[in-house]
C-alpha atoms as a PDB file:
ATOM      1  CA  UNK A   1     216.825  54.407  74.516  1.00  0.00           C
ATOM      2  CA  UNK A   2     217.381  50.972  73.036  1.00  0.00           C
ATOM      3  CA  UNK A   3     215.605  48.017  74.629  1.00  0.00           C
ATOM      4  CA  UNK A   4     215.886  44.375  73.594  1.00  0.00           C
ATOM      5  CA  UNK A   5     213.051  42.221  74.907  1.00  0.00           C
ATOM      6  CA  UNK A   6     213.143  38.453  74.728  1.00  0.00           C
ATOM      7  CA  UNK A   7     210.189  36.340  75.919  1.00  0.00           C
ATOM      8  CA  UNK A   8     211.378  32.747  75.622  1.00  0.00           C
ATOM      9  CA  UNK A   9     208.147  31.087  76.746  1.00  0.00           C
ATOM     10  CA  UNK A  10     205.561  33.438  75.173  1.00  0.00           C
ATOM     11  CA  UNK A  11     203.967  31.978  72.025  1.00  0.00           C
ATOM     12  CA  UNK A  12     206.922  29.691  71.396  1.00  0.00           C
ATOM     13  CA  UNK A  13     209.474  32.447  72.000  1.00  0.00           C
ATOM     14  CA  UNK A  14     209.520  36.024  70.765  1.00  0.00           C
ATOM     15  CA  UNK A  15     212.115  38.785  70.705  1.00  0.00           C
ATOM     16  CA  UNK A  16     212.144  42.400  69.598  1.00  0.00           C
ATOM     17  CA  UNK A  17     214.437  45.404  69.817  1.00  0.00           C
ATOM     18  CA  UNK A  18     212.749  48.765  70.387  1.00  0.00           C
ATOM     19  CA  UNK A  19     214.362  52.170  69.942  1.00  0.00           C
ATOM     20  CA  UNK A  20     212.772  55.370  71.194  1.00  0.00           C
ATOM     21  CA  UNK A  21     213.723  58.985  71.728  1.00  0.00           C
ATOM     22  CA  UNK A  22     212.054  61.790  73.666  1.00  0.00           C
ATOM     23  CA  UNK A  23     212.834  65.361  74.646  1.00  0.00           C
ATOM     24  CA  UNK A  24     211.278  68.093  76.729  1.00  0.00           C
ATOM     25  CA  UNK A  25     212.030  71.844  76.673  1.00  0.00           C
ATOM     26  CA  UNK A  26     214.552  73.399  79.060  1.00  0.00           C
ATOM     27  CA  UNK A  27     217.684  71.947  80.577  1.00  0.00           C
ATOM     28  CA  UNK A  28     216.493  71.174  84.093  1.00  0.00           C
ATOM     29  CA  UNK A  29     216.087  68.064  86.205  1.00  0.00           C
ATOM     30  CA  UNK A  30     212.327  68.414  85.810  1.00  0.00           C
ATOM     31  CA  UNK A  31     212.632  68.298  82.018  1.00  0.00           C
ATOM     32  CA  UNK A  32     214.681  65.093  82.257  1.00  0.00           C
ATOM     33  CA  UNK A  33     211.902  63.591  84.364  1.00  0.00           C
ATOM     34  CA  UNK A  34     209.240  64.696  81.855  1.00  0.00           C
ATOM     35  CA  UNK A  35     211.223  63.289  78.915  1.00  0.00           C
ATOM     36  CA  UNK A  36     211.574  59.985  80.782  1.00  0.00           C
ATOM     37  CA  UNK A  37     207.803  59.857  81.305  1.00  0.00           C
ATOM     38  CA  UNK A  38     207.209  60.467  77.590  1.00  0.00           C
ATOM     39  CA  UNK A  39     209.723  57.772  76.726  1.00  0.00           C
ATOM     40  CA  UNK A  40     208.080  55.290  79.108  1.00  0.00           C
ATOM     41  CA  UNK A  41     204.654  55.894  77.543  1.00  0.00           C
ATOM     42  CA  UNK A  42     206.081  55.373  74.049  1.00  0.00           C
ATOM     43  CA  UNK A  43     207.771  52.128  75.027  1.00  0.00           C
ATOM     44  CA  UNK A  44     204.659  50.874  76.860  1.00  0.00           C
ATOM     45  CA  UNK A  45     202.555  51.578  73.775  1.00  0.00           C
ATOM     46  CA  UNK A  46     205.013  49.962  71.348  1.00  0.00           C
ATOM     47  CA  UNK A  47     205.471  46.892  73.537  1.00  0.00           C
ATOM     48  CA  UNK A  48     201.705  46.499  73.966  1.00  0.00           C
ATOM     49  CA  UNK A  49     201.154  46.723  70.199  1.00  0.00           C
ATOM     50  CA  UNK A  50     203.956  44.235  69.572  1.00  0.00           C
ATOM     51  CA  UNK A  51     202.408  41.687  71.948  1.00  0.00           C
ATOM     52  CA  UNK A  52     199.051  41.922  70.150  1.00  0.00           C
ATOM     53  CA  UNK A  53     200.568  41.064  66.743  1.00  0.00           C
ATOM     54  CA  UNK A  54     199.748  37.517  65.684  1.00  0.00           C
ATOM     55  CA  UNK A  55     202.664  35.504  64.273  1.00  0.00           C
END
């Protein structure tokens, strides 16, 4: 997944592009769901860390 986030009014304007990848064993619909959950957690964590960085 590639996500570009632009916050024009946050701290004078900030932008970042995040890339993430996740997989889960087996080729089932349930494994796609689990991989999506992993990916969401990774993006949430990265975005949260990015917002805490002082520029």
